[in-house]
Amino acid sequence: DMFVICGNTLGTIYIFIINESNKSEWTL
């Protein structure tokens, strides 16, 4: 639960870091 990897319809990949104290907060 430390990071999320996402992909879109244009072929772009996004890697987000999940905040340990507030799991709803992500940083690109």
PDB file of all heavy atoms in Angstrom:
ATOM      1  N   ASP A   1       0.828  -1.221   0.000  1.00  0.00           N
ATOM      2  CA  ASP A   1       0.000   0.000   0.000  1.00  0.00           C
ATOM      3  C   ASP A   1       0.857   1.264   0.000  1.00  0.00           C
ATOM      4  O   ASP A   1       0.475   2.291   0.534  1.00  0.00           O
ATOM      5  CB  ASP A   1      -0.955   0.049   1.202  1.00  0.00           C
ATOM      6  CG  ASP A   1      -2.136  -0.893   1.052  1.00  0.00           C
ATOM      7  OD1 ASP A   1      -2.407  -1.345  -0.075  1.00  0.00           O
ATOM      8  OD2 ASP A   1      -2.799  -1.161   2.067  1.00  0.00           O
ATOM      9  N   MET A   2       2.049   1.194  -0.618  1.00  0.00           N
ATOM     10  CA  MET A   2       2.938   2.352  -0.641  1.00  0.00           C
ATOM     11  C   MET A   2       2.850   3.151  -1.939  1.00  0.00           C
ATOM     12  O   MET A   2       3.165   4.335  -1.949  1.00  0.00           O
ATOM     13  CB  MET A   2       4.382   1.922  -0.415  1.00  0.00           C
ATOM     14  CG  MET A   2       4.623   1.414   0.995  1.00  0.00           C
ATOM     15  SD  MET A   2       6.328   0.944   1.306  1.00  0.00           S
ATOM     16  CE  MET A   2       7.171   2.466   1.051  1.00  0.00           C
ATOM     17  N   PHE A   3       2.456   2.504  -3.039  1.00  0.00           N
ATOM     18  CA  PHE A   3       2.338   3.229  -4.293  1.00  0.00           C
ATOM     19  C   PHE A   3       1.289   2.612  -5.204  1.00  0.00           C
ATOM     20  O   PHE A   3       0.894   1.466  -5.037  1.00  0.00           O
ATOM     21  CB  PHE A   3       3.690   3.346  -5.008  1.00  0.00           C
ATOM     22  CG  PHE A   3       4.359   2.028  -5.310  1.00  0.00           C
ATOM     23  CD1 PHE A   3       4.178   1.394  -6.523  1.00  0.00           C
ATOM     24  CD2 PHE A   3       5.191   1.434  -4.379  1.00  0.00           C
ATOM     25  CE1 PHE A   3       4.792   0.193  -6.800  1.00  0.00           C
ATOM     26  CE2 PHE A   3       5.817   0.230  -4.649  1.00  0.00           C
ATOM     27  CZ  PHE A   3       5.618  -0.392  -5.869  1.00  0.00           C
ATOM     28  N   VAL A   4       0.827   3.427  -6.154  1.00  0.00           N
ATOM     29  CA  VAL A   4      -0.177   3.034  -7.137  1.00  0.00           C
ATOM     30  C   VAL A   4       0.385   3.355  -8.519  1.00  0.00           C
ATOM     31  O   VAL A   4       0.986   4.409  -8.715  1.00  0.00           O
ATOM     32  CB  VAL A   4      -1.496   3.816  -6.932  1.00  0.00           C
ATOM     33  CG1 VAL A   4      -2.506   3.459  -8.006  1.00  0.00           C
ATOM     34  CG2 VAL A   4      -2.066   3.561  -5.569  1.00  0.00           C
ATOM     35  N   ILE A   5       0.179   2.448  -9.456  1.00  0.00           N
ATOM     36  CA  ILE A   5       0.579   2.692 -10.844  1.00  0.00           C
ATOM     37  C   ILE A   5      -0.674   2.636 -11.698  1.00  0.00           C
ATOM     38  O   ILE A   5      -1.460   1.693 -11.596  1.00  0.00           O
ATOM     39  CB  ILE A   5       1.617   1.671 -11.323  1.00  0.00           C
ATOM     40  CG1 ILE A   5       2.845   1.717 -10.406  1.00  0.00           C
ATOM     41  CG2 ILE A   5       2.009   1.954 -12.779  1.00  0.00           C
ATOM     42  CD1 ILE A   5       3.895   0.678 -10.721  1.00  0.00           C
ATOM     43  N   CYS A   6      -0.876   3.678 -12.520  1.00  0.00           N
ATOM     44  CA  CYS A   6      -2.077   3.814 -13.345  1.00  0.00           C
ATOM     45  C   CYS A   6      -1.686   4.014 -14.801  1.00  0.00           C
ATOM     46  O   CYS A   6      -0.625   4.563 -15.096  1.00  0.00           O
ATOM     47  CB  CYS A   6      -2.890   5.035 -12.911  1.00  0.00           C
ATOM     48  SG  CYS A   6      -3.222   5.134 -11.161  1.00  0.00           S
ATOM     49  N   GLY A   7      -2.570   3.615 -15.691  1.00  0.00           N
ATOM     50  CA  GLY A   7      -2.364   3.835 -17.117  1.00  0.00           C
ATOM     51  C   GLY A   7      -3.635   4.330 -17.770  1.00  0.00           C
ATOM     52  O   GLY A   7      -4.736   3.944 -17.383  1.00  0.00           O
ATOM     53  N   ASN A   8      -3.492   5.206 -18.779  1.00  0.00           N
ATOM     54  CA  ASN A   8      -4.682   5.779 -19.419  1.00  0.00           C
ATOM     55  C   ASN A   8      -4.822   5.334 -20.872  1.00  0.00           C
ATOM     56  O   ASN A   8      -4.045   4.521 -21.378  1.00  0.00           O
ATOM     57  CB  ASN A   8      -4.690   7.305 -19.278  1.00  0.00           C
ATOM     58  CG  ASN A   8      -3.604   8.002 -20.068  1.00  0.00           C
ATOM     59  OD1 ASN A   8      -2.976   7.441 -20.958  1.00  0.00           O
ATOM     60  ND2 ASN A   8      -3.373   9.258 -19.740  1.00  0.00           N
ATOM     61  N   THR A   9      -5.824   5.874 -21.544  1.00  0.00           N
ATOM     62  CA  THR A   9      -6.135   5.480 -22.917  1.00  0.00           C
ATOM     63  C   THR A   9      -5.129   6.024 -23.932  1.00  0.00           C
ATOM     64  O   THR A   9      -5.063   5.534 -25.048  1.00  0.00           O
ATOM     65  CB  THR A   9      -7.545   5.945 -23.319  1.00  0.00           C
ATOM     66  OG1 THR A   9      -7.622   7.360 -23.161  1.00  0.00           O
ATOM     67  CG2 THR A   9      -8.611   5.269 -22.477  1.00  0.00           C
ATOM     68  N   LEU A  10      -4.341   7.015 -23.542  1.00  0.00           N
ATOM     69  CA  LEU A  10      -3.335   7.577 -24.445  1.00  0.00           C
ATOM     70  C   LEU A  10      -1.981   6.886 -24.320  1.00  0.00           C
ATOM     71  O   LEU A  10      -1.051   7.202 -25.054  1.00  0.00           O
ATOM     72  CB  LEU A  10      -3.165   9.081 -24.181  1.00  0.00           C
ATOM     73  CG  LEU A  10      -4.394   9.943 -24.419  1.00  0.00           C
ATOM     74  CD1 LEU A  10      -4.105  11.388 -24.038  1.00  0.00           C
ATOM     75  CD2 LEU A  10      -4.842   9.846 -25.870  1.00  0.00           C
ATOM     76  N   GLY A  11      -1.855   5.967 -23.366  1.00  0.00           N
ATOM     77  CA  GLY A  11      -0.602   5.240 -23.172  1.00  0.00           C
ATOM     78  C   GLY A  11       0.307   5.822 -22.113  1.00  0.00           C
ATOM     79  O   GLY A  11       1.464   5.420 -22.009  1.00  0.00           O
ATOM     80  N   THR A  12      -0.184   6.746 -21.325  1.00  0.00           N
ATOM     81  CA  THR A  12       0.622   7.361 -20.270  1.00  0.00           C
ATOM     82  C   THR A  12       0.511   6.544 -18.985  1.00  0.00           C
ATOM     83  O   THR A  12      -0.572   6.091 -18.629  1.00  0.00           O
ATOM     84  CB  THR A  12       0.162   8.807 -20.003  1.00  0.00           C
ATOM     85  OG1 THR A  12       0.187   9.529 -21.229  1.00  0.00           O
ATOM     86  CG2 THR A  12       1.058   9.494 -18.999  1.00  0.00           C
ATOM     87  N   ILE A  13       1.651   6.374 -18.300  1.00  0.00           N
ATOM     88  CA  ILE A  13       1.710   5.685 -17.020  1.00  0.00           C
ATOM     89  C   ILE A  13       1.966   6.730 -15.939  1.00  0.00           C
ATOM     90  O   ILE A  13       2.816   7.610 -16.104  1.00  0.00           O
ATOM     91  CB  ILE A  13       2.855   4.649 -16.992  1.00  0.00           C
ATOM     92  CG1 ILE A  13       2.655   3.574 -18.056  1.00  0.00           C
ATOM     93  CG2 ILE A  13       3.023   4.044 -15.599  1.00  0.00           C
ATOM     94  CD1 ILE A  13       1.626   2.540 -17.746  1.00  0.00           C
ATOM     95  N   TYR A  14       1.235   6.637 -14.827  1.00  0.00           N
ATOM     96  CA  TYR A  14       1.428   7.522 -13.675  1.00  0.00           C
ATOM     97  C   TYR A  14       1.799   6.676 -12.470  1.00  0.00           C
ATOM     98  O   TYR A  14       1.148   5.667 -12.194  1.00  0.00           O
ATOM     99  CB  TYR A  14       0.150   8.289 -13.340  1.00  0.00           C
ATOM    100  CG  TYR A  14      -0.318   9.195 -14.448  1.00  0.00           C
ATOM    101  CD1 TYR A  14      -1.292   8.779 -15.341  1.00  0.00           C
ATOM    102  CD2 TYR A  14       0.226  10.467 -14.594  1.00  0.00           C
ATOM    103  CE1 TYR A  14      -1.722   9.614 -16.362  1.00  0.00           C
ATOM    104  CE2 TYR A  14      -0.196  11.301 -15.605  1.00  0.00           C
ATOM    105  CZ  TYR A  14      -1.160  10.868 -16.488  1.00  0.00           C
ATOM    106  OH  TYR A  14      -1.571  11.693 -17.497  1.00  0.00           O
ATOM    107  N   ILE A  15       2.827   7.097 -11.739  1.00  0.00           N
ATOM    108  CA  ILE A  15       3.219   6.432 -10.507  1.00  0.00           C
ATOM    109  C   ILE A  15       2.960   7.407  -9.365  1.00  0.00           C
ATOM    110  O   ILE A  15       3.490   8.519  -9.360  1.00  0.00           O
ATOM    111  CB  ILE A  15       4.694   6.008 -10.526  1.00  0.00           C
ATOM    112  CG1 ILE A  15       4.962   5.084 -11.719  1.00  0.00           C
ATOM    113  CG2 ILE A  15       5.071   5.325  -9.201  1.00  0.00           C
ATOM    114  CD1 ILE A  15       6.428   4.753 -11.928  1.00  0.00           C
ATOM    115  N   PHE A  16       2.123   6.995  -8.428  1.00  0.00           N
ATOM    116  CA  PHE A  16       1.782   7.805  -7.263  1.00  0.00           C
ATOM    117  C   PHE A  16       2.335   7.152  -6.001  1.00  0.00           C
ATOM    118  O   PHE A  16       2.266   5.937  -5.852  1.00  0.00           O
ATOM    119  CB  PHE A  16       0.258   7.923  -7.098  1.00  0.00           C
ATOM    120  CG  PHE A  16      -0.434   8.753  -8.139  1.00  0.00           C
ATOM    121  CD1 PHE A  16      -0.966   8.160  -9.269  1.00  0.00           C
ATOM    122  CD2 PHE A  16      -0.570  10.121  -7.972  1.00  0.00           C
ATOM    123  CE1 PHE A  16      -1.631   8.912 -10.227  1.00  0.00           C
ATOM    124  CE2 PHE A  16      -1.230  10.883  -8.923  1.00  0.00           C
ATOM    125  CZ  PHE A  16      -1.754  10.286 -10.054  1.00  0.00           C
ATOM    126  N   ILE A  17       2.848   7.971  -5.086  1.00  0.00           N
ATOM    127  CA  ILE A  17       3.270   7.518  -3.761  1.00  0.00           C
ATOM    128  C   ILE A  17       2.110   7.778  -2.806  1.00  0.00           C
ATOM    129  O   ILE A  17       1.533   8.865  -2.804  1.00  0.00           O
ATOM    130  CB  ILE A  17       4.519   8.284  -3.264  1.00  0.00           C
ATOM    131  CG1 ILE A  17       5.661   8.185  -4.267  1.00  0.00           C
ATOM    132  CG2 ILE A  17       4.931   7.803  -1.868  1.00  0.00           C
ATOM    133  CD1 ILE A  17       6.231   6.813  -4.452  1.00  0.00           C
ATOM    134  N   ILE A  18       1.762   6.778  -1.989  1.00  0.00           N
ATOM    135  CA  ILE A  18       0.664   6.902  -1.031  1.00  0.00           C
ATOM    136  C   ILE A  18       1.214   7.401   0.301  1.00  0.00           C
ATOM    137  O   ILE A  18       2.195   6.855   0.819  1.00  0.00           O
ATOM    138  CB  ILE A  18      -0.055   5.549  -0.841  1.00  0.00           C
ATOM    139  CG1 ILE A  18      -0.634   5.065  -2.164  1.00  0.00           C
ATOM    140  CG2 ILE A  18      -1.134   5.660   0.225  1.00  0.00           C
ATOM    141  CD1 ILE A  18      -1.195   3.656  -2.110  1.00  0.00           C
ATOM    142  N   ASN A  19       0.573   8.416   0.859  1.00  0.00           N
ATOM    143  CA  ASN A  19       0.959   8.965   2.153  1.00  0.00           C
ATOM    144  C   ASN A  19       0.683   7.911   3.231  1.00  0.00           C
ATOM    145  O   ASN A  19      -0.423   7.390   3.327  1.00  0.00           O
ATOM    146  CB  ASN A  19       0.152  10.242   2.418  1.00  0.00           C
ATOM    147  CG  ASN A  19       0.534  10.914   3.710  1.00  0.00           C
ATOM    148  OD1 ASN A  19       0.821  10.281   4.708  1.00  0.00           O
ATOM    149  ND2 ASN A  19       0.507  12.236   3.682  1.00  0.00           N
ATOM    150  N   GLU A  20       1.690   7.607   4.043  1.00  0.00           N
ATOM    151  CA  GLU A  20       1.545   6.560   5.071  1.00  0.00           C
ATOM    152  C   GLU A  20       0.527   6.914   6.151  1.00  0.00           C
ATOM    153  O   GLU A  20      -0.195   6.049   6.628  1.00  0.00           O
ATOM    154  CB  GLU A  20       2.890   6.276   5.728  1.00  0.00           C
ATOM    155  CG  GLU A  20       3.829   5.507   4.838  1.00  0.00           C
ATOM    156  CD  GLU A  20       5.106   5.125   5.562  1.00  0.00           C
ATOM    157  OE1 GLU A  20       5.012   4.554   6.668  1.00  0.00           O
ATOM    158  OE2 GLU A  20       6.178   5.414   5.024  1.00  0.00           O
ATOM    159  N   SER A  21       0.458   8.184   6.534  1.00  0.00           N
ATOM    160  CA  SER A  21      -0.447   8.565   7.618  1.00  0.00           C
ATOM    161  C   SER A  21      -1.871   8.835   7.142  1.00  0.00           C
ATOM    162  O   SER A  21      -2.816   8.687   7.896  1.00  0.00           O
ATOM    163  CB  SER A  21       0.090   9.792   8.362  1.00  0.00           C
ATOM    164  OG  SER A  21       0.218  10.877   7.468  1.00  0.00           O
ATOM    165  N   ASN A  22      -2.027   9.249   5.885  1.00  0.00           N
ATOM    166  CA  ASN A  22      -3.362   9.458   5.315  1.00  0.00           C
ATOM    167  C   ASN A  22      -3.401   8.788   3.949  1.00  0.00           C
ATOM    168  O   ASN A  22      -2.972   9.356   2.956  1.00  0.00           O
ATOM    169  CB  ASN A  22      -3.673  10.953   5.187  1.00  0.00           C
ATOM    170  CG  ASN A  22      -5.053  11.209   4.630  1.00  0.00           C
ATOM    171  OD1 ASN A  22      -5.764  10.294   4.227  1.00  0.00           O
ATOM    172  ND2 ASN A  22      -5.441  12.463   4.588  1.00  0.00           N
ATOM    173  N   LYS A  23      -3.891   7.570   3.915  1.00  0.00           N
ATOM    174  CA  LYS A  23      -3.849   6.750   2.697  1.00  0.00           C
ATOM    175  C   LYS A  23      -4.656   7.330   1.539  1.00  0.00           C
ATOM    176  O   LYS A  23      -4.526   6.884   0.414  1.00  0.00           O
ATOM    177  CB  LYS A  23      -4.339   5.339   3.006  1.00  0.00           C
ATOM    178  CG  LYS A  23      -3.543   4.615   4.053  1.00  0.00           C
ATOM    179  CD  LYS A  23      -2.399   3.895   3.443  1.00  0.00           C
ATOM    180  CE  LYS A  23      -1.691   3.064   4.499  1.00  0.00           C
ATOM    181  NZ  LYS A  23      -0.609   2.318   3.990  1.00  0.00           N
ATOM    182  N   SER A  24      -5.483   8.335   1.801  1.00  0.00           N
ATOM    183  CA  SER A  24      -6.241   8.968   0.722  1.00  0.00           C
ATOM    184  C   SER A  24      -5.407  10.011  -0.019  1.00  0.00           C
ATOM    185  O   SER A  24      -5.786  10.451  -1.088  1.00  0.00           O
ATOM    186  CB  SER A  24      -7.498   9.644   1.270  1.00  0.00           C
ATOM    187  OG  SER A  24      -8.386   8.675   1.760  1.00  0.00           O
ATOM    188  N   GLU A  25      -4.280  10.405   0.556  1.00  0.00           N
ATOM    189  CA  GLU A  25      -3.421  11.406  -0.079  1.00  0.00           C
ATOM    190  C   GLU A  25      -2.326  10.726  -0.889  1.00  0.00           C
ATOM    191  O   GLU A  25      -1.607   9.878  -0.381  1.00  0.00           O
ATOM    192  CB  GLU A  25      -2.778  12.302   0.979  1.00  0.00           C
ATOM    193  CG  GLU A  25      -3.739  13.230   1.650  1.00  0.00           C
ATOM    194  CD  GLU A  25      -3.049  14.148   2.647  1.00  0.00           C
ATOM    195  OE1 GLU A  25      -1.809  14.259   2.632  1.00  0.00           O
ATOM    196  OE2 GLU A  25      -3.773  14.745   3.455  1.00  0.00           O
ATOM    197  N   TRP A  26      -2.238  11.104  -2.155  1.00  0.00           N
ATOM    198  CA  TRP A  26      -1.214  10.583  -3.049  1.00  0.00           C
ATOM    199  C   TRP A  26      -0.361  11.734  -3.551  1.00  0.00           C
ATOM    200  O   TRP A  26      -0.834  12.856  -3.700  1.00  0.00           O
ATOM    201  CB  TRP A  26      -1.831   9.930  -4.265  1.00  0.00           C
ATOM    202  CG  TRP A  26      -2.681   8.723  -4.032  1.00  0.00           C
ATOM    203  CD1 TRP A  26      -3.005   8.133  -2.840  1.00  0.00           C
ATOM    204  CD2 TRP A  26      -3.343   7.965  -5.039  1.00  0.00           C
ATOM    205  NE1 TRP A  26      -3.821   7.058  -3.051  1.00  0.00           N
ATOM    206  CE2 TRP A  26      -4.042   6.932  -4.402  1.00  0.00           C
ATOM    207  CE3 TRP A  26      -3.408   8.062  -6.416  1.00  0.00           C
ATOM    208  CZ2 TRP A  26      -4.794   5.996  -5.098  1.00  0.00           C
ATOM    209  CZ3 TRP A  26      -4.156   7.134  -7.107  1.00  0.00           C
ATOM    210  CH2 TRP A  26      -4.837   6.104  -6.454  1.00  0.00           C
ATOM    211  N   THR A  27       0.880  11.430  -3.884  1.00  0.00           N
ATOM    212  CA  THR A  27       1.776  12.387  -4.522  1.00  0.00           C
ATOM    213  C   THR A  27       2.230  11.794  -5.844  1.00  0.00           C
ATOM    214  O   THR A  27       2.688  10.643  -5.879  1.00  0.00           O
ATOM    215  CB  THR A  27       3.016  12.659  -3.631  1.00  0.00           C
ATOM    216  OG1 THR A  27       2.567  13.135  -2.371  1.00  0.00           O
ATOM    217  CG2 THR A  27       3.931  13.677  -4.275  1.00  0.00           C
ATOM    218  N   LEU A  28       2.082  12.575  -6.918  1.00  0.00           N
ATOM    219  CA  LEU A  28       2.541  12.099  -8.222  1.00  0.00           C
ATOM    220  C   LEU A  28       4.059  12.035  -8.217  1.00  0.00           C
ATOM    221  O   LEU A  28       4.736  13.042  -8.024  1.00  0.00           O
ATOM    222  CB  LEU A  28       2.044  13.017  -9.340  1.00  0.00           C
ATOM    223  CG  LEU A  28       2.436  12.603 -10.763  1.00  0.00           C
ATOM    224  CD1 LEU A  28       1.890  11.224 -11.111  1.00  0.00           C
ATOM    225  CD2 LEU A  28       1.946  13.636 -11.761  1.00  0.00           C
TER     226      LEU A  28
END
